[in-house]
């Protein structure tokens, strides 16, 4: 996790999100070739949007993201952008994935999100006030 305070013209932030989302029907489709497509697509997303993916980990049926974004970008928007662009790219580069899924969706609808950061440090600081 980067401990850098990002800056824009009217704000400064250090926000990190842990986001987890599964493949549709919890299918174990995240093999090495699919993960490589997801990683290369994530790099393109970083360049186009005001987001940074610090770490990306994949199990066979779900993805973990450690990411940061400008405070104006909601965590749900990060998920929406990531899921839509990666799914489109996966189906374009590996059309055989559609055979294992119905309805043309790669990712399940839900997700988990948590902020990651200085909770312990801030808790100590506030209790000492």
C-alpha atoms as a PDB file:
ATOM      1  CA  UNK A   1       0.000   0.000   0.000  1.00  0.00           C
ATOM      2  CA  UNK A   2       1.382   3.382  -0.979  1.00  0.00           C
ATOM      3  CA  UNK A   3       1.634   5.833   1.918  1.00  0.00           C
ATOM      4  CA  UNK A   4       1.526   8.836  -0.366  1.00  0.00           C
ATOM      5  CA  UNK A   5      -0.875  11.721  -0.007  1.00  0.00           C
ATOM      6  CA  UNK A   6      -2.320  12.393  -3.453  1.00  0.00           C
ATOM      7  CA  UNK A   7      -3.135  15.993  -4.333  1.00  0.00           C
ATOM      8  CA  UNK A   8      -5.471  17.804  -6.687  1.00  0.00           C
ATOM      9  CA  UNK A   9      -6.240  21.494  -7.024  1.00  0.00           C
ATOM     10  CA  UNK A  10      -8.692  21.650  -4.104  1.00  0.00           C
ATOM     11  CA  UNK A  11      -8.108  18.540  -2.007  1.00  0.00           C
ATOM     12  CA  UNK A  12      -5.602  16.037  -0.732  1.00  0.00           C
ATOM     13  CA  UNK A  13      -6.385  12.388   0.003  1.00  0.00           C
ATOM     14  CA  UNK A  14      -4.993   9.048   1.003  1.00  0.00           C
ATOM     15  CA  UNK A  15      -7.840   6.605   0.411  1.00  0.00           C
ATOM     16  CA  UNK A  16      -7.377   2.883  -0.140  1.00  0.00           C
ATOM     17  CA  UNK A  17     -10.167   0.422  -0.872  1.00  0.00           C
ATOM     18  CA  UNK A  18     -10.169  -3.364  -0.621  1.00  0.00           C
ATOM     19  CA  UNK A  19     -12.727  -4.554  -3.165  1.00  0.00           C
ATOM     20  CA  UNK A  20     -13.739  -8.170  -3.785  1.00  0.00           C
ATOM     21  CA  UNK A  21     -16.078  -9.406  -6.497  1.00  0.00           C
ATOM     22  CA  UNK A  22     -16.854 -12.879  -7.819  1.00  0.00           C
ATOM     23  CA  UNK A  23     -17.203 -14.355 -11.259  1.00  0.00           C
ATOM     24  CA  UNK A  24     -20.820 -14.995 -12.272  1.00  0.00           C
ATOM     25  CA  UNK A  25     -22.125 -18.216 -10.704  1.00  0.00           C
ATOM     26  CA  UNK A  26     -18.798 -18.484  -8.825  1.00  0.00           C
ATOM     27  CA  UNK A  27     -17.342 -20.265 -11.845  1.00  0.00           C
ATOM     28  CA  UNK A  28     -13.627 -21.034 -11.546  1.00  0.00           C
ATOM     29  CA  UNK A  29     -12.691 -19.261 -14.774  1.00  0.00           C
ATOM     30  CA  UNK A  30      -9.754 -17.156 -13.590  1.00  0.00           C
ATOM     31  CA  UNK A  31      -6.881 -19.139 -15.068  1.00  0.00           C
ATOM     32  CA  UNK A  32      -3.513 -17.578 -15.931  1.00  0.00           C
ATOM     33  CA  UNK A  33      -4.552 -16.351 -19.383  1.00  0.00           C
ATOM     34  CA  UNK A  34      -7.692 -14.664 -18.029  1.00  0.00           C
ATOM     35  CA  UNK A  35      -5.736 -13.088 -15.156  1.00  0.00           C
ATOM     36  CA  UNK A  36      -3.178 -11.701 -17.627  1.00  0.00           C
ATOM     37  CA  UNK A  37      -5.969 -10.085 -19.647  1.00  0.00           C
ATOM     38  CA  UNK A  38      -7.440  -8.593 -16.467  1.00  0.00           C
ATOM     39  CA  UNK A  39      -4.026  -7.212 -15.421  1.00  0.00           C
ATOM     40  CA  UNK A  40      -3.336  -5.616 -18.809  1.00  0.00           C
ATOM     41  CA  UNK A  41      -6.845  -4.165 -18.926  1.00  0.00           C
ATOM     42  CA  UNK A  42      -6.427  -2.752 -15.400  1.00  0.00           C
ATOM     43  CA  UNK A  43      -3.356  -0.857 -16.589  1.00  0.00           C
ATOM     44  CA  UNK A  44      -5.433   0.736 -19.336  1.00  0.00           C
ATOM     45  CA  UNK A  45      -8.171   1.651 -16.855  1.00  0.00           C
ATOM     46  CA  UNK A  46      -5.600   3.390 -14.641  1.00  0.00           C
ATOM     47  CA  UNK A  47      -4.445   5.483 -17.582  1.00  0.00           C
ATOM     48  CA  UNK A  48      -7.976   6.534 -18.620  1.00  0.00           C
ATOM     49  CA  UNK A  49      -9.604   7.077 -15.223  1.00  0.00           C
ATOM     50  CA  UNK A  50      -8.529   8.780 -12.000  1.00  0.00           C
ATOM     51  CA  UNK A  51      -7.914   5.425 -10.282  1.00  0.00           C
ATOM     52  CA  UNK A  52      -4.878   3.438  -9.219  1.00  0.00           C
ATOM     53  CA  UNK A  53      -4.742  -0.334  -8.755  1.00  0.00           C
ATOM     54  CA  UNK A  54      -2.012  -0.999  -6.216  1.00  0.00           C
ATOM     55  CA  UNK A  55      -2.452  -4.768  -6.030  1.00  0.00           C
ATOM     56  CA  UNK A  56      -4.684  -7.249  -7.767  1.00  0.00           C
ATOM     57  CA  UNK A  57      -5.072 -10.830  -6.584  1.00  0.00           C
ATOM     58  CA  UNK A  58      -7.144 -13.550  -8.207  1.00  0.00           C
ATOM     59  CA  UNK A  59      -8.468 -16.807  -6.845  1.00  0.00           C
ATOM     60  CA  UNK A  60     -10.174 -19.194  -9.275  1.00  0.00           C
ATOM     61  CA  UNK A  61     -13.593 -17.587  -8.812  1.00  0.00           C
ATOM     62  CA  UNK A  62     -13.096 -14.066  -7.416  1.00  0.00           C
ATOM     63  CA  UNK A  63     -10.818 -11.012  -7.571  1.00  0.00           C
ATOM     64  CA  UNK A  64      -9.327  -8.874  -4.798  1.00  0.00           C
ATOM     65  CA  UNK A  65      -8.367  -5.281  -5.607  1.00  0.00           C
ATOM     66  CA  UNK A  66      -6.377  -2.881  -3.473  1.00  0.00           C
ATOM     67  CA  UNK A  67      -6.958   0.454  -5.119  1.00  0.00           C
ATOM     68  CA  UNK A  68      -7.114   4.183  -4.657  1.00  0.00           C
ATOM     69  CA  UNK A  69      -9.126   6.900  -6.359  1.00  0.00           C
ATOM     70  CA  UNK A  70      -9.952  10.583  -6.139  1.00  0.00           C
ATOM     71  CA  UNK A  71     -12.570  11.219  -3.395  1.00  0.00           C
ATOM     72  CA  UNK A  72     -15.110  12.290  -6.018  1.00  0.00           C
ATOM     73  CA  UNK A  73     -15.155   8.693  -7.314  1.00  0.00           C
ATOM     74  CA  UNK A  74     -17.392   6.396  -5.285  1.00  0.00           C
ATOM     75  CA  UNK A  75     -16.269   2.805  -4.634  1.00  0.00           C
ATOM     76  CA  UNK A  76     -19.314   1.559  -6.551  1.00  0.00           C
ATOM     77  CA  UNK A  77     -18.174   3.550  -9.574  1.00  0.00           C
ATOM     78  CA  UNK A  78     -14.715   1.927  -9.371  1.00  0.00           C
ATOM     79  CA  UNK A  79     -16.379  -1.499  -9.392  1.00  0.00           C
ATOM     80  CA  UNK A  80     -18.714  -0.593 -12.262  1.00  0.00           C
ATOM     81  CA  UNK A  81     -15.880   0.716 -14.453  1.00  0.00           C
ATOM     82  CA  UNK A  82     -13.556  -2.200 -13.645  1.00  0.00           C
ATOM     83  CA  UNK A  83     -16.184  -4.897 -14.167  1.00  0.00           C
ATOM     84  CA  UNK A  84     -17.613  -3.485 -17.400  1.00  0.00           C
ATOM     85  CA  UNK A  85     -14.295  -2.829 -19.127  1.00  0.00           C
ATOM     86  CA  UNK A  86     -12.620  -6.083 -18.059  1.00  0.00           C
ATOM     87  CA  UNK A  87     -15.678  -8.170 -19.021  1.00  0.00           C
ATOM     88  CA  UNK A  88     -15.862  -6.559 -22.462  1.00  0.00           C
ATOM     89  CA  UNK A  89     -12.138  -7.147 -23.008  1.00  0.00           C
ATOM     90  CA  UNK A  90     -12.300 -10.749 -21.763  1.00  0.00           C
ATOM     91  CA  UNK A  91     -15.188 -11.641 -24.084  1.00  0.00           C
ATOM     92  CA  UNK A  92     -13.407  -9.955 -26.994  1.00  0.00           C
ATOM     93  CA  UNK A  93     -10.091 -11.758 -26.435  1.00  0.00           C
ATOM     94  CA  UNK A  94     -11.490 -15.093 -25.167  1.00  0.00           C
ATOM     95  CA  UNK A  95     -14.936 -15.594 -26.718  1.00  0.00           C
ATOM     96  CA  UNK A  96     -15.080 -19.202 -25.459  1.00  0.00           C
ATOM     97  CA  UNK A  97     -15.731 -17.823 -21.934  1.00  0.00           C
ATOM     98  CA  UNK A  98     -19.339 -17.074 -22.950  1.00  0.00           C
ATOM     99  CA  UNK A  99     -19.935 -20.809 -23.300  1.00  0.00           C
ATOM    100  CA  UNK A 100     -19.499 -21.254 -19.519  1.00  0.00           C
ATOM    101  CA  UNK A 101     -21.766 -18.320 -18.639  1.00  0.00           C
ATOM    102  CA  UNK A 102     -25.371 -17.489 -19.484  1.00  0.00           C
ATOM    103  CA  UNK A 103     -26.614 -14.049 -20.334  1.00  0.00           C
ATOM    104  CA  UNK A 104     -23.307 -12.553 -21.457  1.00  0.00           C
ATOM    105  CA  UNK A 105     -22.147 -11.377 -18.022  1.00  0.00           C
ATOM    106  CA  UNK A 106     -18.732 -12.296 -16.667  1.00  0.00           C
ATOM    107  CA  UNK A 107     -18.975 -10.788 -13.159  1.00  0.00           C
ATOM    108  CA  UNK A 108     -21.639 -11.398 -10.519  1.00  0.00           C
ATOM    109  CA  UNK A 109     -23.769  -8.420  -9.512  1.00  0.00           C
ATOM    110  CA  UNK A 110     -22.512  -7.992  -5.940  1.00  0.00           C
ATOM    111  CA  UNK A 111     -19.228  -6.869  -4.406  1.00  0.00           C
ATOM    112  CA  UNK A 112     -17.537  -6.273  -1.060  1.00  0.00           C
ATOM    113  CA  UNK A 113     -15.730  -3.025  -0.268  1.00  0.00           C
ATOM    114  CA  UNK A 114     -13.822  -1.809   2.773  1.00  0.00           C
ATOM    115  CA  UNK A 115     -11.567   1.128   3.386  1.00  0.00           C
ATOM    116  CA  UNK A 116      -8.026   0.268   4.373  1.00  0.00           C
ATOM    117  CA  UNK A 117      -5.763   2.567   6.259  1.00  0.00           C
ATOM    118  CA  UNK A 118      -4.820   4.174   9.503  1.00  0.00           C
ATOM    119  CA  UNK A 119      -7.750   3.072  11.676  1.00  0.00           C
ATOM    120  CA  UNK A 120      -5.579   1.908  14.574  1.00  0.00           C
ATOM    121  CA  UNK A 121      -3.393   5.027  14.480  1.00  0.00           C
ATOM    122  CA  UNK A 122      -6.386   7.376  14.382  1.00  0.00           C
ATOM    123  CA  UNK A 123      -8.108   5.446  17.194  1.00  0.00           C
ATOM    124  CA  UNK A 124      -5.074   5.905  19.438  1.00  0.00           C
ATOM    125  CA  UNK A 125      -4.782   9.555  18.478  1.00  0.00           C
ATOM    126  CA  UNK A 126      -8.467  10.274  19.225  1.00  0.00           C
ATOM    127  CA  UNK A 127      -8.389   8.446  22.564  1.00  0.00           C
ATOM    128  CA  UNK A 128      -5.423  10.595  23.625  1.00  0.00           C
ATOM    129  CA  UNK A 129      -7.311  13.853  22.955  1.00  0.00           C
END
